[in-house]
N, C-alpha and C. Protein backbone atom coordinates (compact mmCIF):
# COMPACT_ATOMS: atom_id res chain seq x y z
N MET A 1 26.96 15.02 -45.58
CA MET A 1 25.70 13.93 -45.49
C MET A 1 25.44 13.61 -43.89
N THR A 2 24.02 13.81 -43.90
CA THR A 2 23.17 13.40 -42.53
C THR A 2 23.16 12.20 -42.19
N GLU A 3 23.19 11.80 -41.12
CA GLU A 3 22.65 9.76 -40.98
C GLU A 3 21.34 10.12 -40.48
N GLN A 4 20.73 9.26 -41.34
CA GLN A 4 19.31 8.77 -41.30
C GLN A 4 18.60 8.05 -40.28
N THR A 5 18.17 7.95 -39.44
CA THR A 5 17.80 6.85 -38.41
C THR A 5 16.43 5.92 -38.92
N THR A 6 16.83 4.80 -39.17
CA THR A 6 15.51 3.95 -39.78
C THR A 6 14.95 3.27 -38.77
N PRO A 7 13.80 3.45 -39.01
CA PRO A 7 12.45 2.90 -37.82
C PRO A 7 13.00 1.74 -37.14
N ARG A 8 13.64 0.72 -37.88
CA ARG A 8 13.98 -0.64 -37.12
C ARG A 8 15.15 0.32 -36.44
N ARG A 9 16.26 0.87 -36.50
CA ARG A 9 17.26 1.37 -35.49
C ARG A 9 16.58 1.93 -33.99
N ARG A 10 15.69 2.83 -34.63
CA ARG A 10 14.93 3.94 -33.43
C ARG A 10 14.16 2.56 -32.75
N PHE A 11 13.57 1.66 -32.94
CA PHE A 11 12.90 1.16 -32.25
C PHE A 11 13.96 -0.03 -31.13
N LEU A 12 15.08 -0.32 -32.05
CA LEU A 12 15.83 -1.04 -31.02
C LEU A 12 16.28 -0.46 -29.80
N LYS A 13 16.71 1.22 -30.21
CA LYS A 13 17.28 2.04 -28.87
C LYS A 13 16.20 2.15 -28.25
N LEU A 14 15.13 2.32 -28.14
CA LEU A 14 13.75 2.59 -27.15
C LEU A 14 13.72 1.41 -26.96
N ALA A 15 13.71 0.59 -27.19
CA ALA A 15 13.30 -1.16 -26.98
C ALA A 15 14.56 -1.12 -25.46
N GLY A 16 15.76 -1.04 -26.08
CA GLY A 16 17.03 -1.17 -25.43
C GLY A 16 16.72 -0.30 -24.08
N GLY A 17 16.66 1.04 -24.37
CA GLY A 17 16.32 2.04 -22.87
C GLY A 17 15.04 1.40 -22.23
N ALA A 18 14.05 1.01 -22.63
CA ALA A 18 12.82 0.31 -21.75
C ALA A 18 13.61 -0.65 -21.09
N ALA A 19 14.34 -1.48 -21.46
CA ALA A 19 14.61 -2.69 -20.93
C ALA A 19 15.55 -2.34 -19.80
N THR A 20 16.57 -1.40 -19.98
CA THR A 20 16.93 -0.60 -18.89
C THR A 20 16.62 -0.35 -17.68
N ALA A 21 15.31 0.33 -18.12
CA ALA A 21 14.72 1.16 -16.98
C ALA A 21 14.12 -0.09 -16.09
N MET A 22 13.49 -0.91 -17.15
CA MET A 22 12.90 -2.14 -16.20
C MET A 22 13.74 -2.61 -14.99
N VAL A 23 14.61 -3.02 -15.50
CA VAL A 23 15.78 -3.53 -14.73
C VAL A 23 16.13 -2.75 -13.95
N PHE A 24 16.60 -1.51 -14.05
CA PHE A 24 16.60 -0.56 -12.40
C PHE A 24 15.48 -0.23 -11.82
N LEU A 25 14.48 -0.11 -12.04
CA LEU A 25 13.29 0.22 -11.34
C LEU A 25 12.73 -1.44 -10.67
N GLY A 26 13.15 -2.39 -11.18
CA GLY A 26 12.68 -3.97 -10.72
C GLY A 26 13.86 -4.00 -9.24
N SER A 27 14.92 -3.64 -9.63
CA SER A 27 15.54 -3.85 -8.54
C SER A 27 15.60 -2.80 -7.25
N LEU A 28 14.80 -1.63 -7.36
CA LEU A 28 14.65 -1.17 -6.15
C LEU A 28 13.63 -2.14 -5.20
N PRO A 29 13.62 -1.64 -3.48
CA PRO A 29 13.17 -2.61 -2.76
C PRO A 29 11.62 -2.04 -2.59
N SER A 30 10.78 -3.42 -2.71
CA SER A 30 9.50 -3.22 -2.93
C SER A 30 8.41 -2.15 -1.78
N ARG A 31 9.03 -1.69 -0.75
CA ARG A 31 8.34 -0.79 0.13
C ARG A 31 8.66 0.50 -0.38
N VAL A 32 9.43 0.69 -1.39
CA VAL A 32 9.95 2.09 -1.85
C VAL A 32 8.52 2.10 -2.68
N TRP A 33 7.77 1.34 -3.43
CA TRP A 33 7.06 1.65 -4.43
C TRP A 33 5.62 1.75 -3.45
N ALA A 34 5.74 1.20 -2.43
CA ALA A 34 4.57 0.80 -1.24
C ALA A 34 4.51 2.07 -0.50
N ALA A 35 5.06 2.94 -0.42
CA ALA A 35 5.24 4.23 0.31
C ALA A 35 4.19 4.96 0.46
N LEU A 36 2.85 4.63 0.94
CA LEU A 36 1.58 5.28 0.95
C LEU A 36 1.25 6.04 1.82
N PRO A 37 0.49 6.91 1.79
CA PRO A 37 -0.04 8.17 2.45
C PRO A 37 -0.96 7.09 3.72
N HIS A 38 -0.71 7.66 4.84
CA HIS A 38 -1.59 7.21 5.96
C HIS A 38 -2.76 7.75 5.69
N LEU A 39 -3.97 6.70 6.12
CA LEU A 39 -5.20 6.91 6.40
C LEU A 39 -5.91 7.63 7.39
N ASP A 40 -6.62 8.55 6.60
CA ASP A 40 -7.18 9.81 7.91
C ASP A 40 -8.26 9.60 7.62
N ALA A 41 -9.20 9.27 8.98
CA ALA A 41 -10.31 8.86 9.41
C ALA A 41 -11.18 10.10 8.71
N ALA A 42 -10.88 11.13 9.25
CA ALA A 42 -11.28 12.49 9.10
C ALA A 42 -11.78 12.74 7.48
N THR A 43 -10.92 12.33 6.61
CA THR A 43 -10.98 12.95 5.35
C THR A 43 -11.52 11.64 4.69
N ASN A 44 -11.76 10.61 5.15
CA ASN A 44 -11.55 9.40 4.10
C ASN A 44 -12.98 8.68 4.36
N ALA A 45 -14.19 8.76 3.18
CA ALA A 45 -15.47 8.38 3.53
C ALA A 45 -15.19 6.94 3.78
N THR A 46 -14.56 5.85 3.35
CA THR A 46 -14.53 4.39 3.74
C THR A 46 -14.66 4.25 4.98
N ALA A 47 -13.44 4.90 5.44
CA ALA A 47 -12.90 4.96 6.87
C ALA A 47 -13.91 5.46 7.77
N LYS A 48 -14.52 6.28 7.82
CA LYS A 48 -15.56 7.17 8.55
C LYS A 48 -16.98 6.10 8.83
N ALA A 49 -16.93 5.24 7.39
CA ALA A 49 -18.17 4.29 7.50
C ALA A 49 -18.02 3.14 7.88
N LEU A 50 -16.53 2.64 8.04
CA LEU A 50 -15.98 1.43 8.92
C LEU A 50 -15.95 1.93 9.98
N ASN A 51 -15.66 3.24 10.57
CA ASN A 51 -15.66 3.45 12.11
C ASN A 51 -13.77 3.14 12.47
N TYR A 52 -13.04 3.75 11.52
CA TYR A 52 -11.43 3.05 11.50
C TYR A 52 -10.97 4.20 12.54
N VAL A 53 -10.09 3.72 13.42
CA VAL A 53 -9.69 4.12 14.48
C VAL A 53 -8.01 4.14 14.31
N GLU A 54 -7.38 4.99 14.57
CA GLU A 54 -6.01 5.15 14.73
C GLU A 54 -5.24 4.08 15.84
N ASP A 55 -6.00 4.38 17.02
CA ASP A 55 -5.58 3.42 18.36
C ASP A 55 -6.96 2.92 18.77
N ASN A 56 -6.75 1.28 18.50
CA ASN A 56 -7.90 0.32 18.76
C ASN A 56 -8.51 0.50 20.34
N SER A 57 -7.73 1.24 21.09
CA SER A 57 -8.16 1.16 22.49
C SER A 57 -9.51 2.39 22.53
N LYS A 58 -9.78 3.01 21.43
CA LYS A 58 -10.40 4.01 21.51
C LYS A 58 -11.78 3.62 20.31
N ALA A 59 -11.55 2.49 19.97
CA ALA A 59 -12.87 2.09 18.99
C ALA A 59 -14.00 1.48 19.70
N PRO A 60 -15.06 1.85 19.04
CA PRO A 60 -16.37 2.00 19.43
C PRO A 60 -16.92 0.48 19.29
N ALA A 61 -17.86 0.41 19.79
CA ALA A 61 -18.67 -1.31 19.69
C ALA A 61 -18.54 -1.55 18.18
N PRO A 62 -18.53 -2.82 17.60
CA PRO A 62 -18.21 -4.07 18.36
C PRO A 62 -16.81 -4.34 18.68
N HIS A 63 -16.02 -3.37 18.30
CA HIS A 63 -14.65 -4.16 19.06
C HIS A 63 -14.47 -4.82 20.05
N LYS A 64 -13.25 -5.72 20.30
CA LYS A 64 -13.32 -6.44 20.96
C LYS A 64 -11.56 -6.33 21.48
N ALA A 65 -11.15 -6.49 22.80
CA ALA A 65 -10.07 -6.56 23.36
C ALA A 65 -9.27 -7.48 22.54
N GLY A 66 -7.95 -6.89 22.30
CA GLY A 66 -7.27 -7.62 21.46
C GLY A 66 -7.26 -7.45 19.83
N GLN A 67 -8.31 -7.11 19.33
CA GLN A 67 -8.22 -6.82 18.13
C GLN A 67 -8.03 -5.38 17.41
N ALA A 68 -6.88 -5.93 16.55
CA ALA A 68 -5.67 -4.64 16.19
C ALA A 68 -5.76 -4.79 14.60
N CYS A 69 -5.49 -3.64 13.64
CA CYS A 69 -4.93 -4.00 12.14
C CYS A 69 -3.84 -5.27 12.23
N SER A 70 -2.94 -4.98 13.06
CA SER A 70 -2.13 -6.00 12.77
C SER A 70 -2.07 -7.49 12.73
N ASN A 71 -3.17 -7.77 13.42
CA ASN A 71 -3.80 -9.38 13.52
C ASN A 71 -5.14 -9.61 12.82
N CYS A 72 -5.18 -8.56 11.89
CA CYS A 72 -6.54 -8.77 11.06
C CYS A 72 -6.22 -9.15 9.20
N VAL A 73 -6.64 -9.89 8.83
CA VAL A 73 -6.38 -10.70 7.70
C VAL A 73 -6.03 -9.71 6.63
N HIS A 74 -6.65 -8.75 6.73
CA HIS A 74 -6.71 -7.45 5.47
C HIS A 74 -5.37 -6.81 5.79
N PHE A 75 -4.58 -6.56 6.64
CA PHE A 75 -3.45 -5.88 6.84
C PHE A 75 -2.13 -6.67 6.20
N GLN A 76 -1.55 -5.97 5.28
CA GLN A 76 -0.46 -6.55 4.39
C GLN A 76 0.60 -6.15 5.07
N GLY A 77 0.98 -5.36 5.90
CA GLY A 77 2.38 -5.17 6.74
C GLY A 77 3.00 -5.96 7.19
N LYS A 78 4.68 -5.62 7.28
CA LYS A 78 5.17 -6.72 7.85
C LYS A 78 4.95 -6.70 9.53
N ALA A 79 5.22 -7.65 10.11
CA ALA A 79 5.24 -7.71 11.35
C ALA A 79 6.51 -6.66 12.08
N GLY A 80 5.72 -5.84 12.98
CA GLY A 80 6.64 -5.01 13.63
C GLY A 80 6.62 -3.92 13.10
N GLU A 81 6.12 -3.30 11.84
CA GLU A 81 5.99 -2.08 11.43
C GLU A 81 4.53 -1.31 11.73
N ALA A 82 4.81 -0.03 12.07
CA ALA A 82 3.99 0.92 12.77
C ALA A 82 2.68 1.23 11.66
N TYR A 83 3.17 1.15 10.45
CA TYR A 83 1.90 0.98 9.28
C TYR A 83 2.10 0.06 8.35
N GLY A 84 1.00 -0.04 7.76
CA GLY A 84 1.34 -1.26 6.69
C GLY A 84 -0.09 -0.71 5.75
N PRO A 85 0.01 -1.47 4.51
CA PRO A 85 -0.97 -1.51 3.75
C PRO A 85 -2.04 -2.22 4.18
N CYS A 86 -3.42 -2.02 3.60
CA CYS A 86 -4.66 -3.25 4.04
C CYS A 86 -5.59 -3.23 2.82
N ALA A 87 -6.18 -4.15 2.40
CA ALA A 87 -6.77 -4.34 1.25
C ALA A 87 -8.22 -3.57 1.50
N ILE A 88 -8.85 -3.26 2.52
CA ILE A 88 -10.08 -2.61 2.44
C ILE A 88 -9.91 -1.42 1.96
N PHE A 89 -8.52 -0.52 2.56
CA PHE A 89 -8.40 1.02 2.11
C PHE A 89 -6.89 0.78 0.97
N PRO A 90 -7.51 0.32 -0.12
CA PRO A 90 -6.36 0.65 -1.17
C PRO A 90 -5.71 1.89 -1.44
N GLY A 91 -4.29 2.20 -1.59
CA GLY A 91 -3.92 3.01 -1.64
C GLY A 91 -3.32 3.85 -0.35
N PHE A 92 -3.80 3.50 0.65
CA PHE A 92 -3.44 4.07 2.17
C PHE A 92 -2.60 2.78 2.93
N ASP A 93 -1.57 3.51 4.09
CA ASP A 93 -1.30 2.71 5.28
C ASP A 93 -2.10 2.82 6.29
N VAL A 94 -2.28 1.87 7.10
CA VAL A 94 -3.38 1.92 8.23
C VAL A 94 -2.54 2.06 9.32
N ASN A 95 -2.53 2.18 10.64
CA ASN A 95 -2.00 1.93 11.42
C ASN A 95 -1.92 0.65 12.30
N ALA A 96 -0.96 0.07 12.69
CA ALA A 96 -1.05 -1.39 12.84
C ALA A 96 -1.77 -1.57 14.45
N LYS A 97 -1.93 -0.71 14.87
CA LYS A 97 -2.70 -0.51 16.30
C LYS A 97 -4.02 0.00 16.21
N GLY A 98 -4.39 0.26 14.87
CA GLY A 98 -5.99 0.88 14.45
C GLY A 98 -6.82 -0.18 14.53
N TRP A 99 -7.95 0.00 14.03
CA TRP A 99 -9.04 -1.07 14.29
C TRP A 99 -9.91 -0.36 13.22
N CYS A 100 -10.85 -1.24 12.69
CA CYS A 100 -12.21 -0.88 12.11
C CYS A 100 -13.25 -1.83 12.14
N ALA A 101 -14.78 -1.75 11.44
CA ALA A 101 -15.62 -2.75 11.33
C ALA A 101 -15.08 -3.81 10.47
N GLY A 102 -14.45 -3.51 9.47
CA GLY A 102 -13.91 -4.50 8.59
C GLY A 102 -12.94 -5.70 9.44
N TYR A 103 -12.82 -5.40 10.63
CA TYR A 103 -11.85 -6.82 11.10
C TYR A 103 -11.82 -8.03 10.92
N GLN A 104 -11.01 -8.82 10.77
CA GLN A 104 -11.33 -10.35 10.64
C GLN A 104 -10.03 -10.85 11.30
N ALA A 105 -10.23 -11.41 12.16
CA ALA A 105 -8.84 -12.34 12.41
C ALA A 105 -8.21 -13.26 11.88
N LYS A 106 -7.03 -13.41 12.08
CA LYS A 106 -6.00 -14.07 10.93
C LYS A 106 -6.09 -15.50 12.08
N SER A 107 -6.30 -16.36 11.06
CA SER A 107 -6.62 -17.89 11.52
C SER A 107 -5.28 -18.48 11.88
């Protein structure tokens, strides 16, 4: 005789597997999920339009001394990190020493 799996039993197996996967994936450090490619101003149209540069010392006007991605309200990286996510460029990490025309100082 062959054992026939009932739809309820199959559902319970799938639900248990999904719950286990969610617990495992949720336990990974958040930065693993946030490992994003670095923004390249040469290939990104938004970066070009906002004059994004990796080194704020080479930024065009209206850049002012002391302005850098690391002290912008849009920068979401942690203090001391070389790169971090930015709300202006979703899906990319920007250089903490960079600058773009969307810069707004943190209050």
